[in-house]
Amino acid sequence: MMFHVVLHSEEDGWIVAECPALPGCVSQGRDEKEALVNIREAITGWLWAEDQKAG
């Protein structure tokens, strides 16, 4: 499964990663690579939590 991820820089230098398809699924990192690793983990957690609600 693939999701569109949006990255943007904050004033403090952190990179914020958001997954618009999953409300509230946001993470961050010190650079783009770390932000992408972290948003993948956030997406996995978001999907797991939704699965728990349905089951």
PDB file of N, CA and C in Angstrom:
ATOM      1  N   MET A   1       0.847  -1.170   0.000  1.00  0.00           N
ATOM      2  CA  MET A   1       0.000   0.000   0.000  1.00  0.00           C
ATOM      3  C   MET A   1       0.893   1.233   0.000  1.00  0.00           C
ATOM      4  N   MET A   2       0.551   2.198  -0.823  1.00  0.00           N
ATOM      5  CA  MET A   2       1.350   3.421  -0.915  1.00  0.00           C
ATOM      6  C   MET A   2       0.511   4.617  -0.504  1.00  0.00           C
ATOM      7  N   PHE A   3       1.160   5.551   0.177  1.00  0.00           N
ATOM      8  CA  PHE A   3       0.509   6.783   0.606  1.00  0.00           C
ATOM      9  C   PHE A   3       1.341   7.977   0.169  1.00  0.00           C
ATOM     10  N   HIS A   4       0.660   9.044  -0.189  1.00  0.00           N
ATOM     11  CA  HIS A   4       1.308  10.310  -0.518  1.00  0.00           C
ATOM     12  C   HIS A   4       1.746  10.962   0.790  1.00  0.00           C
ATOM     13  N   VAL A   5       2.974  11.424   0.849  1.00  0.00           N
ATOM     14  CA  VAL A   5       3.508  12.084   2.049  1.00  0.00           C
ATOM     15  C   VAL A   5       3.987  13.479   1.654  1.00  0.00           C
ATOM     16  N   VAL A   6       3.659  14.464   2.484  1.00  0.00           N
ATOM     17  CA  VAL A   6       4.073  15.845   2.259  1.00  0.00           C
ATOM     18  C   VAL A   6       5.136  16.198   3.296  1.00  0.00           C
ATOM     19  N   LEU A   7       6.252  16.764   2.829  1.00  0.00           N
ATOM     20  CA  LEU A   7       7.318  17.210   3.723  1.00  0.00           C
ATOM     21  C   LEU A   7       7.402  18.724   3.676  1.00  0.00           C
ATOM     22  N   HIS A   8       7.615  19.327   4.833  1.00  0.00           N
ATOM     23  CA  HIS A   8       7.904  20.762   4.860  1.00  0.00           C
ATOM     24  C   HIS A   8       8.829  21.083   6.032  1.00  0.00           C
ATOM     25  N   SER A   9       9.609  22.128   5.854  1.00  0.00           N
ATOM     26  CA  SER A   9      10.583  22.535   6.870  1.00  0.00           C
ATOM     27  C   SER A   9       9.946  23.503   7.849  1.00  0.00           C
ATOM     28  N   GLU A  10      10.275  23.318   9.104  1.00  0.00           N
ATOM     29  CA  GLU A  10       9.829  24.231  10.151  1.00  0.00           C
ATOM     30  C   GLU A  10      10.938  25.254  10.410  1.00  0.00           C
ATOM     31  N   GLU A  11      10.588  26.337  11.083  1.00  0.00           N
ATOM     32  CA  GLU A  11      11.556  27.394  11.375  1.00  0.00           C
ATOM     33  C   GLU A  11      12.716  26.891  12.222  1.00  0.00           C
ATOM     34  N   ASP A  12      12.458  25.880  13.054  1.00  0.00           N
ATOM     35  CA  ASP A  12      13.508  25.364  13.935  1.00  0.00           C
ATOM     36  C   ASP A  12      14.428  24.360  13.241  1.00  0.00           C
ATOM     37  N   GLY A  13      14.209  24.126  11.934  1.00  0.00           N
ATOM     38  CA  GLY A  13      15.067  23.244  11.171  1.00  0.00           C
ATOM     39  C   GLY A  13      14.571  21.815  11.038  1.00  0.00           C
ATOM     40  N   TRP A  14      13.557  21.433  11.797  1.00  0.00           N
ATOM     41  CA  TRP A  14      13.007  20.082  11.700  1.00  0.00           C
ATOM     42  C   TRP A  14      12.190  19.955  10.425  1.00  0.00           C
ATOM     43  N   ILE A  15      12.139  18.747   9.891  1.00  0.00           N
ATOM     44  CA  ILE A  15      11.318  18.439   8.721  1.00  0.00           C
ATOM     45  C   ILE A  15      10.056  17.729   9.217  1.00  0.00           C
ATOM     46  N   VAL A  16       8.907  18.263   8.858  1.00  0.00           N
ATOM     47  CA  VAL A  16       7.630  17.671   9.247  1.00  0.00           C
ATOM     48  C   VAL A  16       7.102  16.855   8.071  1.00  0.00           C
ATOM     49  N   ALA A  17       6.638  15.652   8.367  1.00  0.00           N
ATOM     50  CA  ALA A  17       6.069  14.761   7.355  1.00  0.00           C
ATOM     51  C   ALA A  17       4.610  14.497   7.711  1.00  0.00           C
ATOM     52  N   GLU A  18       3.740  14.680   6.728  1.00  0.00           N
ATOM     53  CA  GLU A  18       2.307  14.453   6.932  1.00  0.00           C
ATOM     54  C   GLU A  18       1.785  13.497   5.871  1.00  0.00           C
ATOM     55  N   CYS A  19       0.829  12.682   6.267  1.00  0.00           N
ATOM     56  CA  CYS A  19       0.149  11.788   5.330  1.00  0.00           C
ATOM     57  C   CYS A  19      -1.305  12.271   5.231  1.00  0.00           C
ATOM     58  N   PRO A  20      -1.618  13.085   4.222  1.00  0.00           N
ATOM     59  CA  PRO A  20      -2.955  13.688   4.120  1.00  0.00           C
ATOM     60  C   PRO A  20      -4.108  12.688   4.080  1.00  0.00           C
ATOM     61  N   ALA A  21      -3.876  11.488   3.584  1.00  0.00           N
ATOM     62  CA  ALA A  21      -4.939  10.484   3.485  1.00  0.00           C
ATOM     63  C   ALA A  21      -5.342   9.920   4.847  1.00  0.00           C
ATOM     64  N   LEU A  22      -4.468  10.104   5.850  1.00  0.00           N
ATOM     65  CA  LEU A  22      -4.718   9.556   7.180  1.00  0.00           C
ATOM     66  C   LEU A  22      -4.773  10.718   8.177  1.00  0.00           C
ATOM     67  N   PRO A  23      -5.963  11.175   8.531  1.00  0.00           N
ATOM     68  CA  PRO A  23      -6.101  12.345   9.403  1.00  0.00           C
ATOM     69  C   PRO A  23      -5.297  12.224  10.693  1.00  0.00           C
ATOM     70  N   GLY A  24      -4.488  13.237  10.950  1.00  0.00           N
ATOM     71  CA  GLY A  24      -3.702  13.273  12.173  1.00  0.00           C
ATOM     72  C   GLY A  24      -2.407  12.493  12.110  1.00  0.00           C
ATOM     73  N   CYS A  25      -2.091  11.916  10.973  1.00  0.00           N
ATOM     74  CA  CYS A  25      -0.866  11.119  10.836  1.00  0.00           C
ATOM     75  C   CYS A  25       0.278  12.048  10.438  1.00  0.00           C
ATOM     76  N   VAL A  26       1.041  12.460  11.446  1.00  0.00           N
ATOM     77  CA  VAL A  26       2.115  13.432  11.272  1.00  0.00           C
ATOM     78  C   VAL A  26       3.327  12.959  12.055  1.00  0.00           C
ATOM     79  N   SER A  27       4.504  13.220  11.515  1.00  0.00           N
ATOM     80  CA  SER A  27       5.739  12.926  12.230  1.00  0.00           C
ATOM     81  C   SER A  27       6.770  13.972  11.844  1.00  0.00           C
ATOM     82  N   GLN A  28       7.991  13.796  12.323  1.00  0.00           N
ATOM     83  CA  GLN A  28       9.046  14.753  11.999  1.00  0.00           C
ATOM     84  C   GLN A  28      10.405  14.078  12.087  1.00  0.00           C
ATOM     85  N   GLY A  29      11.413  14.783  11.617  1.00  0.00           N
ATOM     86  CA  GLY A  29      12.780  14.287  11.698  1.00  0.00           C
ATOM     87  C   GLY A  29      13.756  15.431  11.554  1.00  0.00           C
ATOM     88  N   ARG A  30      15.009  15.170  11.895  1.00  0.00           N
ATOM     89  CA  ARG A  30      16.040  16.205  11.787  1.00  0.00           C
ATOM     90  C   ARG A  30      16.420  16.469  10.341  1.00  0.00           C
ATOM     91  N   ASP A  31      16.146  15.490   9.457  1.00  0.00           N
ATOM     92  CA  ASP A  31      16.374  15.651   8.019  1.00  0.00           C
ATOM     93  C   ASP A  31      15.297  14.855   7.285  1.00  0.00           C
ATOM     94  N   GLU A  32      15.290  14.949   5.953  1.00  0.00           N
ATOM     95  CA  GLU A  32      14.247  14.282   5.173  1.00  0.00           C
ATOM     96  C   GLU A  32      14.255  12.769   5.378  1.00  0.00           C
ATOM     97  N   LYS A  33      15.446  12.182   5.407  1.00  0.00           N
ATOM     98  CA  LYS A  33      15.539  10.731   5.574  1.00  0.00           C
ATOM     99  C   LYS A  33      14.902  10.293   6.887  1.00  0.00           C
ATOM    100  N   GLU A  34      15.248  10.969   7.983  1.00  0.00           N
ATOM    101  CA  GLU A  34      14.683  10.615   9.287  1.00  0.00           C
ATOM    102  C   GLU A  34      13.172  10.861   9.317  1.00  0.00           C
ATOM    103  N   ALA A  35      12.720  11.944   8.705  1.00  0.00           N
ATOM    104  CA  ALA A  35      11.284  12.245   8.664  1.00  0.00           C
ATOM    105  C   ALA A  35      10.525  11.154   7.916  1.00  0.00           C
ATOM    106  N   LEU A  36      11.094  10.654   6.819  1.00  0.00           N
ATOM    107  CA  LEU A  36      10.435   9.595   6.053  1.00  0.00           C
ATOM    108  C   LEU A  36      10.397   8.279   6.823  1.00  0.00           C
ATOM    109  N   VAL A  37      11.478   7.953   7.514  1.00  0.00           N
ATOM    110  CA  VAL A  37      11.482   6.750   8.348  1.00  0.00           C
ATOM    111  C   VAL A  37      10.407   6.872   9.421  1.00  0.00           C
ATOM    112  N   ASN A  38      10.332   8.045  10.045  1.00  0.00           N
ATOM    113  CA  ASN A  38       9.373   8.254  11.135  1.00  0.00           C
ATOM    114  C   ASN A  38       7.930   8.256  10.644  1.00  0.00           C
ATOM    115  N   ILE A  39       7.658   8.821   9.459  1.00  0.00           N
ATOM    116  CA  ILE A  39       6.274   8.834   8.974  1.00  0.00           C
ATOM    117  C   ILE A  39       5.845   7.429   8.562  1.00  0.00           C
ATOM    118  N   ARG A  40       6.778   6.612   8.086  1.00  0.00           N
ATOM    119  CA  ARG A  40       6.423   5.214   7.782  1.00  0.00           C
ATOM    120  C   ARG A  40       5.965   4.506   9.059  1.00  0.00           C
ATOM    121  N   GLU A  41       6.680   4.747  10.135  1.00  0.00           N
ATOM    122  CA  GLU A  41       6.301   4.154  11.425  1.00  0.00           C
ATOM    123  C   GLU A  41       4.948   4.698  11.889  1.00  0.00           C
ATOM    124  N   ALA A  42       4.726   5.995  11.695  1.00  0.00           N
ATOM    125  CA  ALA A  42       3.457   6.609  12.089  1.00  0.00           C
ATOM    126  C   ALA A  42       2.297   6.043  11.267  1.00  0.00           C
ATOM    127  N   ILE A  43       2.523   5.838   9.979  1.00  0.00           N
ATOM    128  CA  ILE A  43       1.483   5.264   9.113  1.00  0.00           C
ATOM    129  C   ILE A  43       1.141   3.849   9.578  1.00  0.00           C
ATOM    130  N   THR A  44       2.156   3.062   9.867  1.00  0.00           N
ATOM    131  CA  THR A  44       1.926   1.697  10.363  1.00  0.00           C
ATOM    132  C   THR A  44       1.112   1.725  11.650  1.00  0.00           C
ATOM    133  N   GLY A  45       1.462   2.606  12.573  1.00  0.00           N
ATOM    134  CA  GLY A  45       0.731   2.727  13.830  1.00  0.00           C
ATOM    135  C   GLY A  45      -0.699   3.202  13.614  1.00  0.00           C
ATOM    136  N   TRP A  46      -0.878   4.142  12.701  1.00  0.00           N
ATOM    137  CA  TRP A  46      -2.219   4.669  12.409  1.00  0.00           C
ATOM    138  C   TRP A  46      -3.106   3.550  11.873  1.00  0.00           C
ATOM    139  N   LEU A  47      -2.573   2.782  10.911  1.00  0.00           N
ATOM    140  CA  LEU A  47      -3.348   1.690  10.326  1.00  0.00           C
ATOM    141  C   LEU A  47      -3.659   0.621  11.366  1.00  0.00           C
ATOM    142  N   TRP A  48      -2.703   0.318  12.229  1.00  0.00           N
ATOM    143  CA  TRP A  48      -2.934  -0.670  13.294  1.00  0.00           C
ATOM    144  C   TRP A  48      -4.054  -0.197  14.220  1.00  0.00           C
ATOM    145  N   ALA A  49      -4.039   1.073  14.606  1.00  0.00           N
ATOM    146  CA  ALA A  49      -5.059   1.606  15.511  1.00  0.00           C
ATOM    147  C   ALA A  49      -6.444   1.555  14.852  1.00  0.00           C
ATOM    148  N   GLU A  50      -6.518   1.872  13.567  1.00  0.00           N
ATOM    149  CA  GLU A  50      -7.792   1.798  12.862  1.00  0.00           C
ATOM    150  C   GLU A  50      -8.290   0.358  12.790  1.00  0.00           C
ATOM    151  N   ASP A  51      -7.385  -0.583  12.590  1.00  0.00           N
ATOM    152  CA  ASP A  51      -7.751  -1.997  12.544  1.00  0.00           C
ATOM    153  C   ASP A  51      -8.305  -2.452  13.896  1.00  0.00           C
ATOM    154  N   GLN A  52      -7.722  -1.958  14.970  1.00  0.00           N
ATOM    155  CA  GLN A  52      -8.180  -2.328  16.310  1.00  0.00           C
ATOM    156  C   GLN A  52      -9.591  -1.795  16.578  1.00  0.00           C
ATOM    157  N   LYS A  53      -9.899  -0.614  16.040  1.00  0.00           N
ATOM    158  CA  LYS A  53     -11.244  -0.052  16.199  1.00  0.00           C
ATOM    159  C   LYS A  53     -12.280  -0.907  15.472  1.00  0.00           C
ATOM    160  N   ALA A  54     -11.899  -1.404  14.297  1.00  0.00           N
ATOM    161  CA  ALA A  54     -12.828  -2.160  13.459  1.00  0.00           C
ATOM    162  C   ALA A  54     -13.036  -3.587  13.986  1.00  0.00           C
ATOM    163  N   GLY A  55     -12.035  -4.098  14.680  1.00  0.00           N
ATOM    164  CA  GLY A  55     -12.101  -5.497  15.106  1.00  0.00           C
ATOM    165  C   GLY A  55     -12.668  -5.633  16.439  1.00  0.00           C
TER     166      GLY A  55
END
